[in-house]
Amino acid sequence: MADATGIEDLIDLMATDPEVRARAREMLPWLVVAPLIGVASYQLDGIFIGATLTREMRQAMIVSVAVHAGLVAVLLPLWGNHGLWAALMGLNLVRGVTMARLYPRAEAKARL
């Protein structure tokens, strides 16, 4: 069954097992929200790399991974694969927030 975007056709092209196809379709909503949640962290990665603020990126990632580990520990047993995806979204959200809080340093460094 084709959809307007062709995503389901792509799933059918990559997988032949009906159960795998069904599970992939079940995860499609996560593919929609992933770039929306992750966009800030991806943009800030580029800014911080360009400003050579890798120490600040590391600090943001340490916080993000700690939160991610906690989310995995709680959500994976509750929601299975959806919990794993939710934890990944949490990681990217926390990464974006922590780097946004550190952004004034990047801006100040760029003015030097």
N, C-alpha and C. Protein backbone atom coordinates (compact mmCIF):
# COMPACT_ATOMS: atom_id res chain seq x y z
N MET A 1 0.85 -1.18 0.00
CA MET A 1 0.00 0.00 0.00
C MET A 1 0.89 1.25 0.00
N ALA A 2 0.74 2.08 -0.98
CA ALA A 2 1.59 3.27 -1.12
C ALA A 2 1.02 4.44 -0.32
N ASP A 3 1.94 5.25 0.16
CA ASP A 3 1.54 6.48 0.85
C ASP A 3 1.97 7.66 0.00
N ALA A 4 1.52 8.84 0.39
CA ALA A 4 1.80 10.04 -0.41
C ALA A 4 3.29 10.39 -0.44
N THR A 5 4.03 10.05 0.60
CA THR A 5 5.44 10.42 0.66
C THR A 5 6.36 9.39 0.05
N GLY A 6 5.89 8.18 -0.10
CA GLY A 6 6.73 7.12 -0.63
C GLY A 6 7.55 6.43 0.45
N ILE A 7 7.39 6.85 1.69
CA ILE A 7 8.18 6.25 2.78
C ILE A 7 7.83 4.78 2.96
N GLU A 8 6.56 4.47 2.88
CA GLU A 8 6.17 3.06 3.04
C GLU A 8 6.70 2.22 1.89
N ASP A 9 6.75 2.80 0.68
CA ASP A 9 7.35 2.08 -0.44
C ASP A 9 8.84 1.83 -0.19
N LEU A 10 9.50 2.80 0.41
CA LEU A 10 10.92 2.65 0.74
C LEU A 10 11.12 1.54 1.77
N ILE A 11 10.24 1.50 2.76
CA ILE A 11 10.30 0.42 3.76
C ILE A 11 10.15 -0.93 3.06
N ASP A 12 9.17 -1.02 2.15
CA ASP A 12 8.94 -2.27 1.44
C ASP A 12 10.13 -2.67 0.57
N LEU A 13 10.84 -1.68 0.05
CA LEU A 13 12.02 -1.95 -0.76
C LEU A 13 13.17 -2.49 0.10
N MET A 14 13.28 -1.98 1.33
CA MET A 14 14.40 -2.37 2.20
C MET A 14 14.14 -3.65 2.98
N ALA A 15 12.87 -3.98 3.22
CA ALA A 15 12.55 -5.14 4.05
C ALA A 15 11.48 -5.99 3.36
N THR A 16 11.64 -7.28 3.45
CA THR A 16 10.64 -8.18 2.86
C THR A 16 9.79 -8.87 3.92
N ASP A 17 10.31 -8.98 5.12
CA ASP A 17 9.58 -9.64 6.19
C ASP A 17 8.40 -8.76 6.63
N PRO A 18 7.19 -9.30 6.62
CA PRO A 18 6.02 -8.50 6.98
C PRO A 18 6.09 -7.92 8.41
N GLU A 19 6.68 -8.66 9.34
CA GLU A 19 6.78 -8.17 10.71
C GLU A 19 7.75 -6.99 10.80
N VAL A 20 8.86 -7.08 10.07
CA VAL A 20 9.83 -5.98 10.04
C VAL A 20 9.18 -4.74 9.42
N ARG A 21 8.44 -4.94 8.34
CA ARG A 21 7.75 -3.83 7.69
C ARG A 21 6.76 -3.17 8.64
N ALA A 22 6.02 -3.99 9.35
CA ALA A 22 5.02 -3.45 10.29
C ALA A 22 5.69 -2.65 11.40
N ARG A 23 6.78 -3.17 11.94
CA ARG A 23 7.49 -2.46 13.02
C ARG A 23 8.10 -1.16 12.50
N ALA A 24 8.63 -1.18 11.28
CA ALA A 24 9.20 0.04 10.70
C ALA A 24 8.11 1.10 10.54
N ARG A 25 6.94 0.69 10.07
CA ARG A 25 5.83 1.64 9.92
C ARG A 25 5.40 2.20 11.28
N GLU A 26 5.46 1.37 12.29
CA GLU A 26 5.10 1.79 13.64
C GLU A 26 6.03 2.89 14.16
N MET A 27 7.27 2.89 13.70
CA MET A 27 8.27 3.86 14.16
C MET A 27 8.30 5.14 13.32
N LEU A 28 7.52 5.21 12.26
CA LEU A 28 7.55 6.38 11.38
C LEU A 28 7.32 7.71 12.10
N PRO A 29 6.43 7.80 13.08
CA PRO A 29 6.26 9.09 13.76
C PRO A 29 7.56 9.62 14.39
N TRP A 30 8.41 8.72 14.85
CA TRP A 30 9.69 9.16 15.42
C TRP A 30 10.58 9.78 14.35
N LEU A 31 10.47 9.28 13.11
CA LEU A 31 11.26 9.86 12.02
C LEU A 31 10.79 11.27 11.68
N VAL A 32 9.54 11.55 11.96
CA VAL A 32 9.01 12.89 11.71
C VAL A 32 9.50 13.86 12.77
N VAL A 33 9.44 13.46 14.03
CA VAL A 33 9.81 14.40 15.11
C VAL A 33 11.31 14.51 15.32
N ALA A 34 12.08 13.51 14.90
CA ALA A 34 13.53 13.52 15.15
C ALA A 34 14.22 14.78 14.62
N PRO A 35 14.02 15.18 13.38
CA PRO A 35 14.71 16.39 12.92
C PRO A 35 14.18 17.66 13.58
N LEU A 36 12.91 17.66 13.95
CA LEU A 36 12.34 18.84 14.61
C LEU A 36 12.95 19.03 16.00
N ILE A 37 13.14 17.95 16.70
CA ILE A 37 13.72 18.02 18.04
C ILE A 37 15.23 18.24 17.97
N GLY A 38 15.89 17.65 16.98
CA GLY A 38 17.34 17.70 16.91
C GLY A 38 17.93 18.91 16.21
N VAL A 39 17.12 19.70 15.53
CA VAL A 39 17.67 20.77 14.69
C VAL A 39 18.52 21.75 15.48
N ALA A 40 18.11 22.13 16.66
CA ALA A 40 18.89 23.10 17.45
C ALA A 40 20.26 22.52 17.81
N SER A 41 20.29 21.27 18.22
CA SER A 41 21.58 20.68 18.59
C SER A 41 22.49 20.54 17.38
N TYR A 42 21.92 20.24 16.22
CA TYR A 42 22.75 20.11 15.01
C TYR A 42 23.31 21.46 14.59
N GLN A 43 22.48 22.49 14.64
CA GLN A 43 22.96 23.84 14.29
C GLN A 43 24.03 24.31 15.27
N LEU A 44 23.78 24.10 16.55
CA LEU A 44 24.74 24.53 17.56
C LEU A 44 26.03 23.74 17.48
N ASP A 45 25.97 22.47 17.06
CA ASP A 45 27.20 21.71 16.82
C ASP A 45 28.09 22.46 15.83
N GLY A 46 27.51 22.89 14.74
CA GLY A 46 28.28 23.61 13.73
C GLY A 46 28.85 24.90 14.25
N ILE A 47 28.08 25.62 15.02
CA ILE A 47 28.55 26.89 15.59
C ILE A 47 29.70 26.63 16.55
N PHE A 48 29.53 25.66 17.44
CA PHE A 48 30.56 25.39 18.44
C PHE A 48 31.83 24.84 17.79
N ILE A 49 31.68 24.01 16.76
CA ILE A 49 32.86 23.50 16.06
C ILE A 49 33.59 24.65 15.38
N GLY A 50 32.82 25.51 14.71
CA GLY A 50 33.43 26.66 14.04
C GLY A 50 34.12 27.61 15.00
N ALA A 51 33.57 27.73 16.20
CA ALA A 51 34.16 28.61 17.21
C ALA A 51 35.22 27.88 18.04
N THR A 52 35.51 26.65 17.69
CA THR A 52 36.46 25.77 18.39
C THR A 52 36.16 25.68 19.89
N LEU A 53 34.88 25.57 20.20
CA LEU A 53 34.47 25.40 21.60
C LEU A 53 34.15 23.93 21.88
N THR A 54 35.11 23.08 21.60
CA THR A 54 34.89 21.65 21.78
C THR A 54 34.76 21.27 23.26
N ARG A 55 35.40 22.00 24.13
CA ARG A 55 35.28 21.73 25.57
C ARG A 55 33.83 21.93 26.01
N GLU A 56 33.21 23.00 25.54
CA GLU A 56 31.82 23.26 25.89
C GLU A 56 30.89 22.20 25.29
N MET A 57 31.22 21.77 24.07
CA MET A 57 30.43 20.69 23.45
C MET A 57 30.53 19.42 24.28
N ARG A 58 31.73 19.12 24.75
CA ARG A 58 31.92 17.92 25.57
C ARG A 58 31.09 18.01 26.84
N GLN A 59 31.12 19.17 27.48
CA GLN A 59 30.36 19.35 28.72
C GLN A 59 28.85 19.17 28.47
N ALA A 60 28.37 19.74 27.38
CA ALA A 60 26.95 19.59 27.04
C ALA A 60 26.63 18.12 26.78
N MET A 61 27.54 17.42 26.13
CA MET A 61 27.29 16.01 25.81
C MET A 61 27.32 15.14 27.06
N ILE A 62 28.18 15.46 28.01
CA ILE A 62 28.22 14.69 29.26
C ILE A 62 26.87 14.78 29.98
N VAL A 63 26.34 15.99 30.07
CA VAL A 63 25.02 16.18 30.69
C VAL A 63 23.96 15.42 29.90
N SER A 64 24.01 15.55 28.59
CA SER A 64 23.01 14.92 27.72
C SER A 64 23.03 13.41 27.82
N VAL A 65 24.22 12.83 27.86
CA VAL A 65 24.34 11.37 27.96
C VAL A 65 23.84 10.89 29.32
N ALA A 66 24.11 11.64 30.37
CA ALA A 66 23.61 11.26 31.70
C ALA A 66 22.08 11.25 31.71
N VAL A 67 21.48 12.27 31.13
CA VAL A 67 20.02 12.32 31.05
C VAL A 67 19.51 11.17 30.17
N HIS A 68 20.18 10.94 29.05
CA HIS A 68 19.80 9.86 28.15
C HIS A 68 19.83 8.51 28.85
N ALA A 69 20.88 8.26 29.60
CA ALA A 69 20.99 6.98 30.32
C ALA A 69 19.83 6.80 31.29
N GLY A 70 19.50 7.87 32.00
CA GLY A 70 18.36 7.80 32.92
C GLY A 70 17.05 7.55 32.18
N LEU A 71 16.87 8.22 31.05
CA LEU A 71 15.65 8.02 30.25
C LEU A 71 15.57 6.59 29.72
N VAL A 72 16.68 6.07 29.24
CA VAL A 72 16.69 4.68 28.75
C VAL A 72 16.32 3.73 29.88
N ALA A 73 16.90 3.94 31.05
CA ALA A 73 16.64 3.05 32.18
C ALA A 73 15.16 3.05 32.56
N VAL A 74 14.50 4.20 32.43
CA VAL A 74 13.09 4.30 32.81
C VAL A 74 12.16 3.93 31.65
N LEU A 75 12.42 4.48 30.48
CA LEU A 75 11.47 4.36 29.37
C LEU A 75 11.55 3.05 28.60
N LEU A 76 12.74 2.49 28.47
CA LEU A 76 12.87 1.24 27.72
C LEU A 76 12.03 0.12 28.31
N PRO A 77 12.08 -0.11 29.63
CA PRO A 77 11.23 -1.17 30.19
C PRO A 77 9.73 -0.87 30.05
N LEU A 78 9.38 0.42 30.08
CA LEU A 78 7.97 0.79 30.00
C LEU A 78 7.41 0.70 28.59
N TRP A 79 8.16 1.21 27.62
CA TRP A 79 7.62 1.37 26.27
C TRP A 79 8.40 0.62 25.20
N GLY A 80 9.41 -0.14 25.57
CA GLY A 80 10.17 -0.90 24.58
C GLY A 80 10.88 0.02 23.60
N ASN A 81 10.76 -0.29 22.32
CA ASN A 81 11.46 0.47 21.30
C ASN A 81 11.01 1.93 21.27
N HIS A 82 9.75 2.19 21.56
CA HIS A 82 9.29 3.58 21.64
C HIS A 82 10.01 4.33 22.77
N GLY A 83 10.27 3.62 23.85
CA GLY A 83 11.02 4.23 24.95
C GLY A 83 12.44 4.57 24.55
N LEU A 84 13.04 3.71 23.73
CA LEU A 84 14.40 3.97 23.24
C LEU A 84 14.41 5.21 22.34
N TRP A 85 13.42 5.30 21.46
CA TRP A 85 13.31 6.49 20.60
C TRP A 85 13.05 7.75 21.43
N ALA A 86 12.19 7.64 22.43
CA ALA A 86 11.90 8.79 23.28
C ALA A 86 13.17 9.24 24.02
N ALA A 87 13.97 8.29 24.47
CA ALA A 87 15.23 8.62 25.13
C ALA A 87 16.18 9.33 24.18
N LEU A 88 16.22 8.88 22.92
CA LEU A 88 17.06 9.55 21.93
C LEU A 88 16.60 10.98 21.68
N MET A 89 15.29 11.18 21.64
CA MET A 89 14.76 12.54 21.48
C MET A 89 15.14 13.39 22.70
N GLY A 90 15.11 12.78 23.87
CA GLY A 90 15.52 13.48 25.08
C GLY A 90 16.98 13.88 25.03
N LEU A 91 17.83 12.99 24.52
CA LEU A 91 19.25 13.31 24.39
C LEU A 91 19.44 14.53 23.50
N ASN A 92 18.80 14.53 22.34
CA ASN A 92 18.96 15.66 21.42
C ASN A 92 18.35 16.95 21.96
N LEU A 93 17.26 16.84 22.67
CA LEU A 93 16.64 18.01 23.27
C LEU A 93 17.55 18.61 24.35
N VAL A 94 18.07 17.78 25.21
CA VAL A 94 18.97 18.26 26.28
C VAL A 94 20.25 18.82 25.67
N ARG A 95 20.77 18.18 24.62
CA ARG A 95 21.95 18.70 23.94
C ARG A 95 21.70 20.10 23.40
N GLY A 96 20.55 20.29 22.77
CA GLY A 96 20.21 21.61 22.24
C GLY A 96 20.09 22.65 23.33
N VAL A 97 19.44 22.29 24.41
CA VAL A 97 19.24 23.23 25.53
C VAL A 97 20.56 23.56 26.20
N THR A 98 21.38 22.56 26.47
CA THR A 98 22.65 22.84 27.16
C THR A 98 23.59 23.66 26.29
N MET A 99 23.62 23.38 25.00
CA MET A 99 24.49 24.18 24.12
C MET A 99 23.93 25.58 23.93
N ALA A 100 22.61 25.71 23.91
CA ALA A 100 22.02 27.05 23.80
C ALA A 100 22.39 27.90 25.02
N ARG A 101 22.44 27.27 26.18
CA ARG A 101 22.84 28.01 27.39
C ARG A 101 24.30 28.43 27.33
N LEU A 102 25.12 27.66 26.62
CA LEU A 102 26.54 27.98 26.48
C LEU A 102 26.82 28.87 25.26
N TYR A 103 25.80 29.13 24.46
CA TYR A 103 25.98 29.89 23.23
C TYR A 103 26.58 31.28 23.44
N PRO A 104 26.23 32.02 24.50
CA PRO A 104 26.85 33.34 24.68
C PRO A 104 28.38 33.29 24.67
N ARG A 105 28.97 32.21 25.14
CA ARG A 105 30.43 32.07 25.08
C ARG A 105 30.91 32.02 23.63
N ALA A 106 30.17 31.28 22.81
CA ALA A 106 30.54 31.18 21.40
C ALA A 106 30.44 32.53 20.72
N GLU A 107 29.40 33.27 21.04
CA GLU A 107 29.20 34.58 20.45
C GLU A 107 30.28 35.55 20.93
N ALA A 108 30.60 35.51 22.20
CA ALA A 108 31.66 36.38 22.75
C ALA A 108 33.00 36.06 22.11
N LYS A 109 33.28 34.78 21.91
CA LYS A 109 34.54 34.38 21.31
C LYS A 109 34.63 34.86 19.86
N ALA A 110 33.49 34.84 19.17
CA ALA A 110 33.47 35.28 17.77
C ALA A 110 33.74 36.77 17.65
N ARG A 111 33.47 37.53 18.68
CA ARG A 111 33.68 38.99 18.64
C ARG A 111 35.13 39.37 18.91
N LEU A 112 35.91 38.43 19.39
CA LEU A 112 37.33 38.74 19.70
C LEU A 112 38.15 39.00 18.49
